[in-house]
Amino acid sequence: MKYLLMCHIQAAEMAKVPEAAKQQMMQAMMAYNQQLIGAGVLAAAGQLAMPQEAIRVSLASGQLSEARGPALGGATQIGGYYVVDVPGEPEAVSWAAKCPLARFGALEVRQIAFSPL
């Protein structure tokens, strides 16, 4: 079963983290990535561009609308994601709990219900 682990961070809280701690977290994230790869459960992963670079697209009443910047004021941001292929929800939650980013934010775990690929 495939699960999407979305890495949520609080922008204001992350801004308070000293640079040295951010560097340690990045090293811990690289080690976490290697754990996922070594366990053979990582199907995909990525770090997203900053929310200020986002383009939100909608099509209401046939009218195309584009807006730049983060949704909902940007207080909570999705900074990255992992797709893991594991036997079930307990394993997906376990991998989310091991992510170093969980100390600075939260990981949302959702089963991928359908994928055309």
PDB file of N, CA and C in Angstrom:
ATOM      1  N   MET A   1       0.842  -1.170   0.000  1.00  0.00           N
ATOM      2  CA  MET A   1       0.000   0.000   0.000  1.00  0.00           C
ATOM      3  C   MET A   1       0.893   1.241   0.000  1.00  0.00           C
ATOM      4  N   LYS A   2       0.487   2.220  -0.774  1.00  0.00           N
ATOM      5  CA  LYS A   2       1.260   3.444  -0.822  1.00  0.00           C
ATOM      6  C   LYS A   2       0.599   4.525   0.030  1.00  0.00           C
ATOM      7  N   TYR A   3       1.456   5.265   0.718  1.00  0.00           N
ATOM      8  CA  TYR A   3       1.010   6.358   1.582  1.00  0.00           C
ATOM      9  C   TYR A   3       1.807   7.606   1.267  1.00  0.00           C
ATOM     10  N   LEU A   4       1.115   8.737   1.313  1.00  0.00           N
ATOM     11  CA  LEU A   4       1.748  10.038   1.161  1.00  0.00           C
ATOM     12  C   LEU A   4       1.991  10.610   2.547  1.00  0.00           C
ATOM     13  N   LEU A   5       3.231  10.962   2.823  1.00  0.00           N
ATOM     14  CA  LEU A   5       3.584  11.620   4.076  1.00  0.00           C
ATOM     15  C   LEU A   5       3.874  13.073   3.717  1.00  0.00           C
ATOM     16  N   MET A   6       2.975  13.973   4.110  1.00  0.00           N
ATOM     17  CA  MET A   6       3.150  15.398   3.824  1.00  0.00           C
ATOM     18  C   MET A   6       3.776  16.073   5.027  1.00  0.00           C
ATOM     19  N   CYS A   7       4.874  16.753   4.802  1.00  0.00           N
ATOM     20  CA  CYS A   7       5.626  17.411   5.872  1.00  0.00           C
ATOM     21  C   CYS A   7       5.104  18.832   6.075  1.00  0.00           C
ATOM     22  N   HIS A   8       4.349  19.033   7.145  1.00  0.00           N
ATOM     23  CA  HIS A   8       3.805  20.351   7.473  1.00  0.00           C
ATOM     24  C   HIS A   8       4.752  21.053   8.442  1.00  0.00           C
ATOM     25  N   ILE A   9       5.006  22.323   8.184  1.00  0.00           N
ATOM     26  CA  ILE A   9       5.812  23.106   9.115  1.00  0.00           C
ATOM     27  C   ILE A   9       5.093  24.419   9.410  1.00  0.00           C
ATOM     28  N   GLN A  10       5.374  24.964  10.577  1.00  0.00           N
ATOM     29  CA  GLN A  10       4.871  26.281  10.952  1.00  0.00           C
ATOM     30  C   GLN A  10       5.976  27.270  10.593  1.00  0.00           C
ATOM     31  N   ALA A  11       5.715  28.143   9.624  1.00  0.00           N
ATOM     32  CA  ALA A  11       6.742  29.061   9.136  1.00  0.00           C
ATOM     33  C   ALA A  11       7.302  29.927  10.259  1.00  0.00           C
ATOM     34  N   ALA A  12       6.439  30.455  11.116  1.00  0.00           N
ATOM     35  CA  ALA A  12       6.899  31.342  12.197  1.00  0.00           C
ATOM     36  C   ALA A  12       7.791  30.592  13.178  1.00  0.00           C
ATOM     37  N   GLU A  13       7.446  29.347  13.482  1.00  0.00           N
ATOM     38  CA  GLU A  13       8.251  28.556  14.410  1.00  0.00           C
ATOM     39  C   GLU A  13       9.584  28.168  13.786  1.00  0.00           C
ATOM     40  N   MET A  14       9.560  27.834  12.527  1.00  0.00           N
ATOM     41  CA  MET A  14      10.797  27.437  11.848  1.00  0.00           C
ATOM     42  C   MET A  14      11.763  28.611  11.760  1.00  0.00           C
ATOM     43  N   ALA A  15      11.232  29.819  11.621  1.00  0.00           N
ATOM     44  CA  ALA A  15      12.079  31.008  11.542  1.00  0.00           C
ATOM     45  C   ALA A  15      12.848  31.246  12.845  1.00  0.00           C
ATOM     46  N   LYS A  16      12.326  30.731  13.955  1.00  0.00           N
ATOM     47  CA  LYS A  16      12.971  30.911  15.262  1.00  0.00           C
ATOM     48  C   LYS A  16      14.095  29.911  15.515  1.00  0.00           C
ATOM     49  N   VAL A  17      14.182  28.881  14.710  1.00  0.00           N
ATOM     50  CA  VAL A  17      15.187  27.831  14.920  1.00  0.00           C
ATOM     51  C   VAL A  17      16.561  28.364  14.503  1.00  0.00           C
ATOM     52  N   PRO A  18      17.550  28.271  15.389  1.00  0.00           N
ATOM     53  CA  PRO A  18      18.898  28.751  15.051  1.00  0.00           C
ATOM     54  C   PRO A  18      19.472  28.003  13.842  1.00  0.00           C
ATOM     55  N   GLU A  19      20.330  28.677  13.107  1.00  0.00           N
ATOM     56  CA  GLU A  19      20.907  28.110  11.886  1.00  0.00           C
ATOM     57  C   GLU A  19      21.620  26.783  12.152  1.00  0.00           C
ATOM     58  N   ALA A  20      22.343  26.693  13.259  1.00  0.00           N
ATOM     59  CA  ALA A  20      23.051  25.446  13.579  1.00  0.00           C
ATOM     60  C   ALA A  20      22.067  24.291  13.746  1.00  0.00           C
ATOM     61  N   ALA A  21      20.929  24.553  14.374  1.00  0.00           N
ATOM     62  CA  ALA A  21      19.908  23.515  14.564  1.00  0.00           C
ATOM     63  C   ALA A  21      19.283  23.132  13.225  1.00  0.00           C
ATOM     64  N   LYS A  22      19.122  24.097  12.335  1.00  0.00           N
ATOM     65  CA  LYS A  22      18.594  23.793  10.995  1.00  0.00           C
ATOM     66  C   LYS A  22      19.548  22.886  10.236  1.00  0.00           C
ATOM     67  N   GLN A  23      20.849  23.150  10.370  1.00  0.00           N
ATOM     68  CA  GLN A  23      21.851  22.315   9.702  1.00  0.00           C
ATOM     69  C   GLN A  23      21.839  20.889  10.257  1.00  0.00           C
ATOM     70  N   GLN A  24      21.697  20.767  11.576  1.00  0.00           N
ATOM     71  CA  GLN A  24      21.614  19.438  12.193  1.00  0.00           C
ATOM     72  C   GLN A  24      20.368  18.703  11.698  1.00  0.00           C
ATOM     73  N   MET A  25      19.255  19.443  11.578  1.00  0.00           N
ATOM     74  CA  MET A  25      18.029  18.818  11.099  1.00  0.00           C
ATOM     75  C   MET A  25      18.201  18.335   9.660  1.00  0.00           C
ATOM     76  N   MET A  26      18.867  19.130   8.823  1.00  0.00           N
ATOM     77  CA  MET A  26      19.084  18.706   7.443  1.00  0.00           C
ATOM     78  C   MET A  26      19.925  17.435   7.385  1.00  0.00           C
ATOM     79  N   GLN A  27      20.936  17.335   8.227  1.00  0.00           N
ATOM     80  CA  GLN A  27      21.741  16.115   8.281  1.00  0.00           C
ATOM     81  C   GLN A  27      20.889  14.933   8.747  1.00  0.00           C
ATOM     82  N   ALA A  28      20.026  15.179   9.729  1.00  0.00           N
ATOM     83  CA  ALA A  28      19.135  14.119  10.213  1.00  0.00           C
ATOM     84  C   ALA A  28      18.149  13.709   9.128  1.00  0.00           C
ATOM     85  N   MET A  29      17.687  14.678   8.328  1.00  0.00           N
ATOM     86  CA  MET A  29      16.761  14.360   7.234  1.00  0.00           C
ATOM     87  C   MET A  29      17.464  13.508   6.169  1.00  0.00           C
ATOM     88  N   MET A  30      18.716  13.803   5.879  1.00  0.00           N
ATOM     89  CA  MET A  30      19.467  13.004   4.909  1.00  0.00           C
ATOM     90  C   MET A  30      19.637  11.571   5.413  1.00  0.00           C
ATOM     91  N   ALA A  31      19.888  11.420   6.708  1.00  0.00           N
ATOM     92  CA  ALA A  31      20.006  10.082   7.297  1.00  0.00           C
ATOM     93  C   ALA A  31      18.661   9.358   7.230  1.00  0.00           C
ATOM     94  N   TYR A  32      17.579  10.078   7.488  1.00  0.00           N
ATOM     95  CA  TYR A  32      16.229   9.499   7.406  1.00  0.00           C
ATOM     96  C   TYR A  32      15.961   9.027   5.971  1.00  0.00           C
ATOM     97  N   ASN A  33      16.323   9.859   4.994  1.00  0.00           N
ATOM     98  CA  ASN A  33      16.150   9.466   3.590  1.00  0.00           C
ATOM     99  C   ASN A  33      16.873   8.150   3.311  1.00  0.00           C
ATOM    100  N   GLN A  34      18.082   8.022   3.815  1.00  0.00           N
ATOM    101  CA  GLN A  34      18.858   6.800   3.607  1.00  0.00           C
ATOM    102  C   GLN A  34      18.208   5.595   4.293  1.00  0.00           C
ATOM    103  N   GLN A  35      17.589   5.817   5.460  1.00  0.00           N
ATOM    104  CA  GLN A  35      16.872   4.734   6.142  1.00  0.00           C
ATOM    105  C   GLN A  35      15.709   4.246   5.283  1.00  0.00           C
ATOM    106  N   LEU A  36      14.955   5.190   4.720  1.00  0.00           N
ATOM    107  CA  LEU A  36      13.826   4.819   3.859  1.00  0.00           C
ATOM    108  C   LEU A  36      14.304   4.036   2.644  1.00  0.00           C
ATOM    109  N   ILE A  37      15.386   4.522   2.034  1.00  0.00           N
ATOM    110  CA  ILE A  37      15.937   3.840   0.857  1.00  0.00           C
ATOM    111  C   ILE A  37      16.445   2.453   1.238  1.00  0.00           C
ATOM    112  N   GLY A  38      17.191   2.382   2.340  1.00  0.00           N
ATOM    113  CA  GLY A  38      17.740   1.102   2.791  1.00  0.00           C
ATOM    114  C   GLY A  38      16.674   0.074   3.118  1.00  0.00           C
ATOM    115  N   ALA A  39      15.540   0.541   3.626  1.00  0.00           N
ATOM    116  CA  ALA A  39      14.437  -0.363   3.961  1.00  0.00           C
ATOM    117  C   ALA A  39      13.624  -0.757   2.725  1.00  0.00           C
ATOM    118  N   GLY A  40      13.895  -0.094   1.606  1.00  0.00           N
ATOM    119  CA  GLY A  40      13.184  -0.421   0.369  1.00  0.00           C
ATOM    120  C   GLY A  40      11.744   0.053   0.334  1.00  0.00           C
ATOM    121  N   VAL A  41      11.397   1.084   1.118  1.00  0.00           N
ATOM    122  CA  VAL A  41      10.006   1.545   1.179  1.00  0.00           C
ATOM    123  C   VAL A  41       9.783   2.879   0.476  1.00  0.00           C
ATOM    124  N   LEU A  42      10.837   3.570   0.076  1.00  0.00           N
ATOM    125  CA  LEU A  42      10.685   4.894  -0.520  1.00  0.00           C
ATOM    126  C   LEU A  42      10.321   4.775  -1.992  1.00  0.00           C
ATOM    127  N   ALA A  43       9.156   5.297  -2.366  1.00  0.00           N
ATOM    128  CA  ALA A  43       8.720   5.292  -3.762  1.00  0.00           C
ATOM    129  C   ALA A  43       8.980   6.641  -4.423  1.00  0.00           C
ATOM    130  N   ALA A  44       8.921   7.729  -3.646  1.00  0.00           N
ATOM    131  CA  ALA A  44       9.170   9.070  -4.172  1.00  0.00           C
ATOM    132  C   ALA A  44       9.350  10.021  -3.000  1.00  0.00           C
ATOM    133  N   ALA A  45      10.001  11.142  -3.253  1.00  0.00           N
ATOM    134  CA  ALA A  45      10.182  12.158  -2.222  1.00  0.00           C
ATOM    135  C   ALA A  45      10.552  13.461  -2.895  1.00  0.00           C
ATOM    136  N   GLY A  46      10.297  14.557  -2.201  1.00  0.00           N
ATOM    137  CA  GLY A  46      10.698  15.838  -2.746  1.00  0.00           C
ATOM    138  C   GLY A  46      10.554  16.955  -1.735  1.00  0.00           C
ATOM    139  N   GLN A  47      11.386  17.976  -1.919  1.00  0.00           N
ATOM    140  CA  GLN A  47      11.287  19.197  -1.135  1.00  0.00           C
ATOM    141  C   GLN A  47      10.646  20.231  -2.053  1.00  0.00           C
ATOM    142  N   LEU A  48       9.663  20.948  -1.541  1.00  0.00           N
ATOM    143  CA  LEU A  48       8.941  21.904  -2.360  1.00  0.00           C
ATOM    144  C   LEU A  48       9.590  23.283  -2.305  1.00  0.00           C
ATOM    145  N   ALA A  49       9.382  24.059  -3.378  1.00  0.00           N
ATOM    146  CA  ALA A  49       9.826  25.451  -3.397  1.00  0.00           C
ATOM    147  C   ALA A  49       9.051  26.223  -2.332  1.00  0.00           C
ATOM    148  N   MET A  50       9.537  27.388  -2.002  1.00  0.00           N
ATOM    149  CA  MET A  50       8.906  28.214  -0.976  1.00  0.00           C
ATOM    150  C   MET A  50       7.469  28.568  -1.379  1.00  0.00           C
ATOM    151  N   PRO A  51       6.561  28.675  -0.401  1.00  0.00           N
ATOM    152  CA  PRO A  51       5.157  28.971  -0.705  1.00  0.00           C
ATOM    153  C   PRO A  51       4.950  30.277  -1.472  1.00  0.00           C
ATOM    154  N   GLN A  52       5.845  31.236  -1.314  1.00  0.00           N
ATOM    155  CA  GLN A  52       5.718  32.501  -2.034  1.00  0.00           C
ATOM    156  C   GLN A  52       5.807  32.291  -3.546  1.00  0.00           C
ATOM    157  N   GLU A  53       6.372  31.171  -3.955  1.00  0.00           N
ATOM    158  CA  GLU A  53       6.504  30.864  -5.376  1.00  0.00           C
ATOM    159  C   GLU A  53       5.317  30.073  -5.920  1.00  0.00           C
ATOM    160  N   ALA A  54       4.379  29.741  -5.042  1.00  0.00           N
ATOM    161  CA  ALA A  54       3.227  28.935  -5.456  1.00  0.00           C
ATOM    162  C   ALA A  54       2.291  29.722  -6.367  1.00  0.00           C
ATOM    163  N   ILE A  55       1.635  29.011  -7.240  1.00  0.00           N
ATOM    164  CA  ILE A  55       0.573  29.577  -8.070  1.00  0.00           C
ATOM    165  C   ILE A  55      -0.663  28.728  -7.820  1.00  0.00           C
ATOM    166  N   ARG A  56      -1.698  29.350  -7.295  1.00  0.00           N
ATOM    167  CA  ARG A  56      -2.963  28.650  -7.063  1.00  0.00           C
ATOM    168  C   ARG A  56      -3.874  28.902  -8.253  1.00  0.00           C
ATOM    169  N   VAL A  57      -4.373  27.838  -8.844  1.00  0.00           N
ATOM    170  CA  VAL A  57      -5.196  27.919 -10.043  1.00  0.00           C
ATOM    171  C   VAL A  57      -6.593  27.424  -9.713  1.00  0.00           C
ATOM    172  N   SER A  58      -7.603  28.198 -10.146  1.00  0.00           N
ATOM    173  CA  SER A  58      -8.985  27.746  -9.974  1.00  0.00           C
ATOM    174  C   SER A  58      -9.770  28.095 -11.229  1.00  0.00           C
ATOM    175  N   LEU A  59     -10.859  27.398 -11.397  1.00  0.00           N
ATOM    176  CA  LEU A  59     -11.712  27.598 -12.559  1.00  0.00           C
ATOM    177  C   LEU A  59     -13.143  27.668 -12.062  1.00  0.00           C
ATOM    178  N   ALA A  60     -13.548  28.834 -11.575  1.00  0.00           N
ATOM    179  CA  ALA A  60     -14.898  29.025 -11.046  1.00  0.00           C
ATOM    180  C   ALA A  60     -15.769  29.662 -12.124  1.00  0.00           C
ATOM    181  N   SER A  61     -16.922  29.079 -12.352  1.00  0.00           N
ATOM    182  CA  SER A  61     -17.865  29.583 -13.360  1.00  0.00           C
ATOM    183  C   SER A  61     -17.196  29.767 -14.721  1.00  0.00           C
ATOM    184  N   GLY A  62     -16.274  28.889 -15.046  1.00  0.00           N
ATOM    185  CA  GLY A  62     -15.612  28.938 -16.338  1.00  0.00           C
ATOM    186  C   GLY A  62     -14.535  29.993 -16.455  1.00  0.00           C
ATOM    187  N   GLN A  63     -14.266  30.713 -15.381  1.00  0.00           N
ATOM    188  CA  GLN A  63     -13.257  31.763 -15.399  1.00  0.00           C
ATOM    189  C   GLN A  63     -11.973  31.272 -14.740  1.00  0.00           C
ATOM    190  N   LEU A  64     -10.880  31.352 -15.478  1.00  0.00           N
ATOM    191  CA  LEU A  64      -9.581  30.965 -14.947  1.00  0.00           C
ATOM    192  C   LEU A  64      -9.088  32.045 -14.003  1.00  0.00           C
ATOM    193  N   SER A  65      -8.639  31.618 -12.839  1.00  0.00           N
ATOM    194  CA  SER A  65      -8.089  32.546 -11.862  1.00  0.00           C
ATOM    195  C   SER A  65      -6.753  32.000 -11.383  1.00  0.00           C
ATOM    196  N   GLU A  66      -5.757  32.879 -11.352  1.00  0.00           N
ATOM    197  CA  GLU A  66      -4.444  32.517 -10.832  1.00  0.00           C
ATOM    198  C   GLU A  66      -4.093  33.477  -9.716  1.00  0.00           C
ATOM    199  N   ALA A  67      -3.520  32.939  -8.637  1.00  0.00           N
ATOM    200  CA  ALA A  67      -3.076  33.776  -7.524  1.00  0.00           C
ATOM    201  C   ALA A  67      -1.713  33.270  -7.088  1.00  0.00           C
ATOM    202  N   ARG A  68      -0.834  34.179  -6.794  1.00  0.00           N
ATOM    203  CA  ARG A  68       0.504  33.809  -6.325  1.00  0.00           C
ATOM    204  C   ARG A  68       0.554  33.878  -4.812  1.00  0.00           C
ATOM    205  N   GLY A  69       1.412  33.013  -4.262  1.00  0.00           N
ATOM    206  CA  GLY A  69       1.632  33.030  -2.824  1.00  0.00           C
ATOM    207  C   GLY A  69       0.958  31.869  -2.129  1.00  0.00           C
ATOM    208  N   PRO A  70       1.216  31.743  -0.834  1.00  0.00           N
ATOM    209  CA  PRO A  70       0.700  30.602  -0.079  1.00  0.00           C
ATOM    210  C   PRO A  70      -0.811  30.683   0.145  1.00  0.00           C
ATOM    211  N   ALA A  71      -1.423  29.526   0.238  1.00  0.00           N
ATOM    212  CA  ALA A  71      -2.845  29.446   0.568  1.00  0.00           C
ATOM    213  C   ALA A  71      -3.033  29.685   2.062  1.00  0.00           C
ATOM    214  N   LEU A  72      -4.173  30.164   2.432  1.00  0.00           N
ATOM    215  CA  LEU A  72      -4.558  30.347   3.834  1.00  0.00           C
ATOM    216  C   LEU A  72      -3.546  31.164   4.634  1.00  0.00           C
ATOM    217  N   GLY A  73      -2.951  32.157   4.011  1.00  0.00           N
ATOM    218  CA  GLY A  73      -2.030  33.026   4.716  1.00  0.00           C
ATOM    219  C   GLY A  73      -0.658  32.438   4.957  1.00  0.00           C
ATOM    220  N   GLY A  74      -0.471  31.172   4.672  1.00  0.00           N
ATOM    221  CA  GLY A  74       0.849  30.566   4.768  1.00  0.00           C
ATOM    222  C   GLY A  74       1.333  30.234   6.162  1.00  0.00           C
ATOM    223  N   ALA A  75       0.463  30.238   7.173  1.00  0.00           N
ATOM    224  CA  ALA A  75       0.913  29.922   8.536  1.00  0.00           C
ATOM    225  C   ALA A  75       1.486  28.507   8.601  1.00  0.00           C
ATOM    226  N   THR A  76       0.776  27.563   8.002  1.00  0.00           N
ATOM    227  CA  THR A  76       1.265  26.190   7.911  1.00  0.00           C
ATOM    228  C   THR A  76       1.612  25.927   6.455  1.00  0.00           C
ATOM    229  N   GLN A  77       2.773  25.345   6.249  1.00  0.00           N
ATOM    230  CA  GLN A  77       3.241  25.092   4.900  1.00  0.00           C
ATOM    231  C   GLN A  77       3.564  23.620   4.721  1.00  0.00           C
ATOM    232  N   ILE A  78       3.367  23.130   3.508  1.00  0.00           N
ATOM    233  CA  ILE A  78       3.842  21.794   3.169  1.00  0.00           C
ATOM    234  C   ILE A  78       5.220  21.994   2.565  1.00  0.00           C
ATOM    235  N   GLY A  79       6.233  21.553   3.289  1.00  0.00           N
ATOM    236  CA  GLY A  79       7.609  21.772   2.858  1.00  0.00           C
ATOM    237  C   GLY A  79       8.154  20.663   1.979  1.00  0.00           C
ATOM    238  N   GLY A  80       7.529  19.501   2.054  1.00  0.00           N
ATOM    239  CA  GLY A  80       8.003  18.376   1.261  1.00  0.00           C
ATOM    240  C   GLY A  80       7.081  17.183   1.439  1.00  0.00           C
ATOM    241  N   TYR A  81       7.453  16.095   0.818  1.00  0.00           N
ATOM    242  CA  TYR A  81       6.610  14.906   0.859  1.00  0.00           C
ATOM    243  C   TYR A  81       7.451  13.651   0.663  1.00  0.00           C
ATOM    244  N   TYR A  82       6.887  12.570   1.114  1.00  0.00           N
ATOM    245  CA  TYR A  82       7.428  11.233   0.859  1.00  0.00           C
ATOM    246  C   TYR A  82       6.268  10.358   0.407  1.00  0.00           C
ATOM    247  N   VAL A  83       6.525   9.459  -0.521  1.00  0.00           N
ATOM    248  CA  VAL A  83       5.585   8.392  -0.851  1.00  0.00           C
ATOM    249  C   VAL A  83       6.277   7.105  -0.427  1.00  0.00           C
ATOM    250  N   VAL A  84       5.641   6.405   0.508  1.00  0.00           N
ATOM    251  CA  VAL A  84       6.204   5.145   0.985  1.00  0.00           C
ATOM    252  C   VAL A  84       5.294   3.999   0.578  1.00  0.00           C
ATOM    253  N   ASP A  85       5.893   2.871   0.287  1.00  0.00           N
ATOM    254  CA  ASP A  85       5.167   1.666  -0.089  1.00  0.00           C
ATOM    255  C   ASP A  85       5.406   0.656   1.024  1.00  0.00           C
ATOM    256  N   VAL A  86       4.392   0.500   1.859  1.00  0.00           N
ATOM    257  CA  VAL A  86       4.504  -0.321   3.069  1.00  0.00           C
ATOM    258  C   VAL A  86       3.281  -1.241   3.178  1.00  0.00           C
ATOM    259  N   PRO A  87       3.336  -2.257   4.057  1.00  0.00           N
ATOM    260  CA  PRO A  87       2.211  -3.182   4.183  1.00  0.00           C
ATOM    261  C   PRO A  87       0.893  -2.541   4.636  1.00  0.00           C
ATOM    262  N   GLY A  88       0.967  -1.472   5.460  1.00  0.00           N
ATOM    263  CA  GLY A  88      -0.278  -0.887   5.942  1.00  0.00           C
ATOM    264  C   GLY A  88      -0.061   0.397   6.721  1.00  0.00           C
ATOM    265  N   GLU A  89      -1.151   0.908   7.271  1.00  0.00           N
ATOM    266  CA  GLU A  89      -1.133   2.179   7.989  1.00  0.00           C
ATOM    267  C   GLU A  89      -0.178   2.204   9.180  1.00  0.00           C
ATOM    268  N   PRO A  90      -0.115   1.146   9.990  1.00  0.00           N
ATOM    269  CA  PRO A  90       0.809   1.209  11.131  1.00  0.00           C
ATOM    270  C   PRO A  90       2.259   1.464  10.709  1.00  0.00           C
ATOM    271  N   GLU A  91       2.666   0.849   9.612  1.00  0.00           N
ATOM    272  CA  GLU A  91       4.038   1.045   9.138  1.00  0.00           C
ATOM    273  C   GLU A  91       4.232   2.462   8.600  1.00  0.00           C
ATOM    274  N   ALA A  92       3.225   2.986   7.902  1.00  0.00           N
ATOM    275  CA  ALA A  92       3.318   4.358   7.389  1.00  0.00           C
ATOM    276  C   ALA A  92       3.420   5.350   8.540  1.00  0.00           C
ATOM    277  N   VAL A  93       2.620   5.175   9.569  1.00  0.00           N
ATOM    278  CA  VAL A  93       2.660   6.052  10.740  1.00  0.00           C
ATOM    279  C   VAL A  93       4.008   5.923  11.443  1.00  0.00           C
ATOM    280  N   SER A  94       4.523   4.707  11.518  1.00  0.00           N
ATOM    281  CA  SER A  94       5.821   4.489  12.147  1.00  0.00           C
ATOM    282  C   SER A  94       6.926   5.244  11.415  1.00  0.00           C
ATOM    283  N   TRP A  95       6.906   5.203  10.077  1.00  0.00           N
ATOM    284  CA  TRP A  95       7.911   5.943   9.310  1.00  0.00           C
ATOM    285  C   TRP A  95       7.736   7.446   9.488  1.00  0.00           C
ATOM    286  N   ALA A  96       6.502   7.920   9.546  1.00  0.00           N
ATOM    287  CA  ALA A  96       6.261   9.351   9.771  1.00  0.00           C
ATOM    288  C   ALA A  96       6.812   9.780  11.127  1.00  0.00           C
ATOM    289  N   ALA A  97       6.647   8.943  12.129  1.00  0.00           N
ATOM    290  CA  ALA A  97       7.120   9.267  13.482  1.00  0.00           C
ATOM    291  C   ALA A  97       8.640   9.339  13.547  1.00  0.00           C
ATOM    292  N   LYS A  98       9.324   8.640  12.657  1.00  0.00           N
ATOM    293  CA  LYS A  98      10.787   8.647  12.639  1.00  0.00           C
ATOM    294  C   LYS A  98      11.369   9.873  11.934  1.00  0.00           C
ATOM    295  N   CYS A  99      10.541  10.606  11.222  1.00  0.00           N
ATOM    296  CA  CYS A  99      11.030  11.750  10.456  1.00  0.00           C
ATOM    297  C   CYS A  99      11.464  12.874  11.397  1.00  0.00           C
ATOM    298  N   PRO A 100      12.682  13.364  11.261  1.00  0.00           N
ATOM    299  CA  PRO A 100      13.170  14.441  12.138  1.00  0.00           C
ATOM    300  C   PRO A 100      12.316  15.703  12.077  1.00  0.00           C
ATOM    301  N   LEU A 101      11.657  15.934  10.954  1.00  0.00           N
ATOM    302  CA  LEU A 101      10.830  17.126  10.813  1.00  0.00           C
ATOM    303  C   LEU A 101       9.638  17.120  11.770  1.00  0.00           C
ATOM    304  N   ALA A 102       9.249  15.945  12.249  1.00  0.00           N
ATOM    305  CA  ALA A 102       8.119  15.846  13.174  1.00  0.00           C
ATOM    306  C   ALA A 102       8.374  16.640  14.458  1.00  0.00           C
ATOM    307  N   ARG A 103       9.645  16.897  14.778  1.00  0.00           N
ATOM    308  CA  ARG A 103       9.961  17.696  15.974  1.00  0.00           C
ATOM    309  C   ARG A 103       9.670  19.170  15.761  1.00  0.00           C
ATOM    310  N   PHE A 104       9.612  19.620  14.512  1.00  0.00           N
ATOM    311  CA  PHE A 104       9.402  21.029  14.191  1.00  0.00           C
ATOM    312  C   PHE A 104       8.026  21.296  13.589  1.00  0.00           C
ATOM    313  N   GLY A 105       7.288  20.259  13.291  1.00  0.00           N
ATOM    314  CA  GLY A 105       5.994  20.413  12.645  1.00  0.00           C
ATOM    315  C   GLY A 105       5.194  19.138  12.808  1.00  0.00           C
ATOM    316  N   ALA A 106       4.622  18.679  11.718  1.00  0.00           N
ATOM    317  CA  ALA A 106       3.825  17.454  11.755  1.00  0.00           C
ATOM    318  C   ALA A 106       3.879  16.799  10.383  1.00  0.00           C
ATOM    319  N   LEU A 107       3.656  15.510  10.369  1.00  0.00           N
ATOM    320  CA  LEU A 107       3.532  14.794   9.109  1.00  0.00           C
ATOM    321  C   LEU A 107       2.101  14.281   8.994  1.00  0.00           C
ATOM    322  N   GLU A 108       1.483  14.599   7.897  1.00  0.00           N
ATOM    323  CA  GLU A 108       0.136  14.102   7.616  1.00  0.00           C
ATOM    324  C   GLU A 108       0.288  12.829   6.795  1.00  0.00           C
ATOM    325  N   VAL A 109      -0.344  11.758   7.237  1.00  0.00           N
ATOM    326  CA  VAL A 109      -0.235  10.456   6.588  1.00  0.00           C
ATOM    327  C   VAL A 109      -1.564  10.143   5.913  1.00  0.00           C
ATOM    328  N   ARG A 110      -1.515   9.934   4.605  1.00  0.00           N
ATOM    329  CA  ARG A 110      -2.734   9.575   3.863  1.00  0.00           C
ATOM    330  C   ARG A 110      -2.442   8.433   2.909  1.00  0.00           C
ATOM    331  N   GLN A 111      -3.348   7.467   2.910  1.00  0.00           N
ATOM    332  CA  GLN A 111      -3.208   6.377   1.951  1.00  0.00           C
ATOM    333  C   GLN A 111      -3.512   6.924   0.554  1.00  0.00           C
ATOM    334  N   ILE A 112      -2.752   6.491  -0.424  1.00  0.00           N
ATOM    335  CA  ILE A 112      -3.033   6.860  -1.804  1.00  0.00           C
ATOM    336  C   ILE A 112      -4.104   5.891  -2.285  1.00  0.00           C
ATOM    337  N   ALA A 113      -5.300   6.414  -2.445  1.00  0.00           N
ATOM    338  CA  ALA A 113      -6.462   5.580  -2.757  1.00  0.00           C
ATOM    339  C   ALA A 113      -6.478   5.154  -4.230  1.00  0.00           C
ATOM    340  N   PHE A 114      -5.921   5.994  -5.101  1.00  0.00           N
ATOM    341  CA  PHE A 114      -5.889   5.681  -6.524  1.00  0.00           C
ATOM    342  C   PHE A 114      -4.682   6.359  -7.146  1.00  0.00           C
ATOM    343  N   SER A 115      -4.050   5.675  -8.039  1.00  0.00           N
ATOM    344  CA  SER A 115      -2.951   6.250  -8.804  1.00  0.00           C
ATOM    345  C   SER A 115      -3.001   5.650 -10.193  1.00  0.00           C
ATOM    346  N   PRO A 116      -2.986   6.478 -11.224  1.00  0.00           N
ATOM    347  CA  PRO A 116      -3.037   5.947 -12.582  1.00  0.00           C
ATOM    348  C   PRO A 116      -1.733   5.281 -13.015  1.00  0.00           C
ATOM    349  N   LEU A 117      -0.683   5.441 -12.222  1.00  0.00           N
ATOM    350  CA  LEU A 117       0.602   4.858 -12.597  1.00  0.00           C
ATOM    351  C   LEU A 117       0.866   3.584 -11.846  1.00  0.00           C
TER     352      LEU A 117
END
